[in-house]
């Protein structure tokens, strides 16, 4: 696969993981003693990797003020959506470039 496509697909997978994590946190926001999930992106020699980790204990105030945690999770969902769209745009642009190159060579 083209390196540009690999980067874009990795970005889409990362965004998909982030969206899943934020969705689970929203679903469980009012669950007593629920420790929220976090998606942390790290760089490895094989490329970027997303690790999903659970907080060791609930954050203070999450149950008393669920709206604050909800706002943060909704922002995370919007961010994940934008990351996914950006990666899709990279794929679309790469596809158009390859098509134009083939037209030139034909």
C-alpha atoms as a PDB file:
ATOM      1  CA  UNK A   1       0.000   0.000   0.000  1.00  0.00           C
ATOM      2  CA  UNK A   2       1.087   3.546  -0.694  1.00  0.00           C
ATOM      3  CA  UNK A   3       2.799   5.212   2.338  1.00  0.00           C
ATOM      4  CA  UNK A   4       0.344   8.117   2.166  1.00  0.00           C
ATOM      5  CA  UNK A   5      -2.569   5.701   2.319  1.00  0.00           C
ATOM      6  CA  UNK A   6      -0.937   3.886   5.259  1.00  0.00           C
ATOM      7  CA  UNK A   7      -0.693   7.150   7.170  1.00  0.00           C
ATOM      8  CA  UNK A   8      -4.309   8.038   6.423  1.00  0.00           C
ATOM      9  CA  UNK A   9      -5.609   4.570   7.355  1.00  0.00           C
ATOM     10  CA  UNK A  10      -3.642   4.692  10.612  1.00  0.00           C
ATOM     11  CA  UNK A  11      -5.191   8.090  11.315  1.00  0.00           C
ATOM     12  CA  UNK A  12      -8.666   6.694  10.684  1.00  0.00           C
ATOM     13  CA  UNK A  13      -8.058   3.739  12.987  1.00  0.00           C
ATOM     14  CA  UNK A  14      -6.739   6.065  15.695  1.00  0.00           C
ATOM     15  CA  UNK A  15      -9.782   8.304  15.368  1.00  0.00           C
ATOM     16  CA  UNK A  16     -12.089   5.279  15.459  1.00  0.00           C
ATOM     17  CA  UNK A  17     -10.475   4.084  18.691  1.00  0.00           C
ATOM     18  CA  UNK A  18     -10.784   7.529  20.263  1.00  0.00           C
ATOM     19  CA  UNK A  19     -14.460   7.722  19.296  1.00  0.00           C
ATOM     20  CA  UNK A  20     -15.113   4.280  20.806  1.00  0.00           C
ATOM     21  CA  UNK A  21     -13.375   5.283  24.050  1.00  0.00           C
ATOM     22  CA  UNK A  22     -15.312   8.538  24.390  1.00  0.00           C
ATOM     23  CA  UNK A  23     -18.568   6.752  23.557  1.00  0.00           C
ATOM     24  CA  UNK A  24     -18.006   4.182  26.302  1.00  0.00           C
ATOM     25  CA  UNK A  25     -17.168   6.947  28.766  1.00  0.00           C
ATOM     26  CA  UNK A  26     -20.404   8.781  27.892  1.00  0.00           C
ATOM     27  CA  UNK A  27     -22.495   5.633  28.256  1.00  0.00           C
ATOM     28  CA  UNK A  28     -21.016   4.948  31.710  1.00  0.00           C
ATOM     29  CA  UNK A  29     -20.725   8.522  32.969  1.00  0.00           C
ATOM     30  CA  UNK A  30     -23.354   8.039  35.682  1.00  0.00           C
ATOM     31  CA  UNK A  31     -22.224   4.540  36.669  1.00  0.00           C
ATOM     32  CA  UNK A  32     -20.961   4.608  40.261  1.00  0.00           C
ATOM     33  CA  UNK A  33     -17.218   3.954  40.592  1.00  0.00           C
ATOM     34  CA  UNK A  34     -16.736   3.799  36.826  1.00  0.00           C
ATOM     35  CA  UNK A  35     -13.134   4.581  35.970  1.00  0.00           C
ATOM     36  CA  UNK A  36     -13.034   6.246  32.596  1.00  0.00           C
ATOM     37  CA  UNK A  37     -10.979   5.078  29.653  1.00  0.00           C
ATOM     38  CA  UNK A  38      -8.229   7.083  27.998  1.00  0.00           C
ATOM     39  CA  UNK A  39      -6.791   6.645  24.521  1.00  0.00           C
ATOM     40  CA  UNK A  40      -3.100   7.549  24.446  1.00  0.00           C
ATOM     41  CA  UNK A  41      -1.258   7.674  21.141  1.00  0.00           C
ATOM     42  CA  UNK A  42       2.401   6.692  21.222  1.00  0.00           C
ATOM     43  CA  UNK A  43       5.049   6.394  18.546  1.00  0.00           C
ATOM     44  CA  UNK A  44       6.782   3.083  17.953  1.00  0.00           C
ATOM     45  CA  UNK A  45       9.293   1.902  15.374  1.00  0.00           C
ATOM     46  CA  UNK A  46       6.411   0.151  13.582  1.00  0.00           C
ATOM     47  CA  UNK A  47       4.377   3.370  13.518  1.00  0.00           C
ATOM     48  CA  UNK A  48       1.869   5.085  15.787  1.00  0.00           C
ATOM     49  CA  UNK A  49      -0.048   2.995  18.288  1.00  0.00           C
ATOM     50  CA  UNK A  50      -3.072   3.828  20.423  1.00  0.00           C
ATOM     51  CA  UNK A  51      -3.158   2.378  23.908  1.00  0.00           C
ATOM     52  CA  UNK A  52      -6.435   2.341  25.767  1.00  0.00           C
ATOM     53  CA  UNK A  53      -6.029   2.530  29.520  1.00  0.00           C
ATOM     54  CA  UNK A  54      -8.509   2.740  32.338  1.00  0.00           C
ATOM     55  CA  UNK A  55      -8.019   5.341  35.051  1.00  0.00           C
ATOM     56  CA  UNK A  56      -7.176   3.690  38.353  1.00  0.00           C
ATOM     57  CA  UNK A  57     -10.044   5.386  40.142  1.00  0.00           C
ATOM     58  CA  UNK A  58     -12.859   7.761  39.238  1.00  0.00           C
ATOM     59  CA  UNK A  59     -11.883  11.398  39.069  1.00  0.00           C
ATOM     60  CA  UNK A  60     -13.154  13.502  41.951  1.00  0.00           C
ATOM     61  CA  UNK A  61     -16.295  15.319  40.945  1.00  0.00           C
ATOM     62  CA  UNK A  62     -17.263  13.074  38.030  1.00  0.00           C
ATOM     63  CA  UNK A  63     -20.296  11.753  39.883  1.00  0.00           C
ATOM     64  CA  UNK A  64     -21.134  15.067  41.595  1.00  0.00           C
ATOM     65  CA  UNK A  65     -20.812  17.064  38.362  1.00  0.00           C
ATOM     66  CA  UNK A  66     -21.434  14.656  35.483  1.00  0.00           C
ATOM     67  CA  UNK A  67     -21.975  17.570  33.091  1.00  0.00           C
ATOM     68  CA  UNK A  68     -18.289  18.538  33.316  1.00  0.00           C
ATOM     69  CA  UNK A  69     -17.159  15.039  32.344  1.00  0.00           C
ATOM     70  CA  UNK A  70     -19.856  14.862  29.671  1.00  0.00           C
ATOM     71  CA  UNK A  71     -18.660  18.089  28.057  1.00  0.00           C
ATOM     72  CA  UNK A  72     -15.096  16.789  27.920  1.00  0.00           C
ATOM     73  CA  UNK A  73     -16.234  13.514  26.361  1.00  0.00           C
ATOM     74  CA  UNK A  74     -18.397  15.290  23.770  1.00  0.00           C
ATOM     75  CA  UNK A  75     -15.458  17.464  22.788  1.00  0.00           C
ATOM     76  CA  UNK A  76     -13.428  14.266  22.418  1.00  0.00           C
ATOM     77  CA  UNK A  77     -16.105  12.821  20.112  1.00  0.00           C
ATOM     78  CA  UNK A  78     -16.058  15.937  17.946  1.00  0.00           C
ATOM     79  CA  UNK A  79     -12.264  15.829  17.832  1.00  0.00           C
ATOM     80  CA  UNK A  80     -12.344  12.164  16.784  1.00  0.00           C
ATOM     81  CA  UNK A  81     -14.855  12.959  14.045  1.00  0.00           C
ATOM     82  CA  UNK A  82     -12.646  15.744  12.688  1.00  0.00           C
ATOM     83  CA  UNK A  83      -9.554  13.502  12.795  1.00  0.00           C
ATOM     84  CA  UNK A  84     -11.442  10.821  10.858  1.00  0.00           C
ATOM     85  CA  UNK A  85     -12.640  13.334   8.258  1.00  0.00           C
ATOM     86  CA  UNK A  86      -9.116  14.712   7.839  1.00  0.00           C
ATOM     87  CA  UNK A  87      -7.740  11.223   7.200  1.00  0.00           C
ATOM     88  CA  UNK A  88     -10.546  10.525   4.723  1.00  0.00           C
ATOM     89  CA  UNK A  89      -9.625  13.739   2.905  1.00  0.00           C
ATOM     90  CA  UNK A  90      -6.009  12.561   2.668  1.00  0.00           C
ATOM     91  CA  UNK A  91      -7.176   9.290   1.097  1.00  0.00           C
ATOM     92  CA  UNK A  92      -9.447  11.103  -1.351  1.00  0.00           C
ATOM     93  CA  UNK A  93      -6.678  13.516  -2.355  1.00  0.00           C
ATOM     94  CA  UNK A  94      -4.141  10.694  -2.781  1.00  0.00           C
ATOM     95  CA  UNK A  95      -6.630   8.828  -4.955  1.00  0.00           C
ATOM     96  CA  UNK A  96      -7.159  11.917  -7.126  1.00  0.00           C
ATOM     97  CA  UNK A  97      -3.402  12.412  -7.446  1.00  0.00           C
ATOM     98  CA  UNK A  98      -2.901   8.805  -8.528  1.00  0.00           C
ATOM     99  CA  UNK A  99      -5.713   9.154 -11.050  1.00  0.00           C
ATOM    100  CA  UNK A 100      -4.191  12.335 -12.462  1.00  0.00           C
ATOM    101  CA  UNK A 101      -0.782  10.652 -12.691  1.00  0.00           C
ATOM    102  CA  UNK A 102      -2.269   7.708 -14.564  1.00  0.00           C
ATOM    103  CA  UNK A 103      -4.019  10.112 -16.954  1.00  0.00           C
ATOM    104  CA  UNK A 104      -0.700  11.850 -17.651  1.00  0.00           C
ATOM    105  CA  UNK A 105       1.095   8.566 -18.267  1.00  0.00           C
ATOM    106  CA  UNK A 106      -1.680   7.143 -20.467  1.00  0.00           C
END
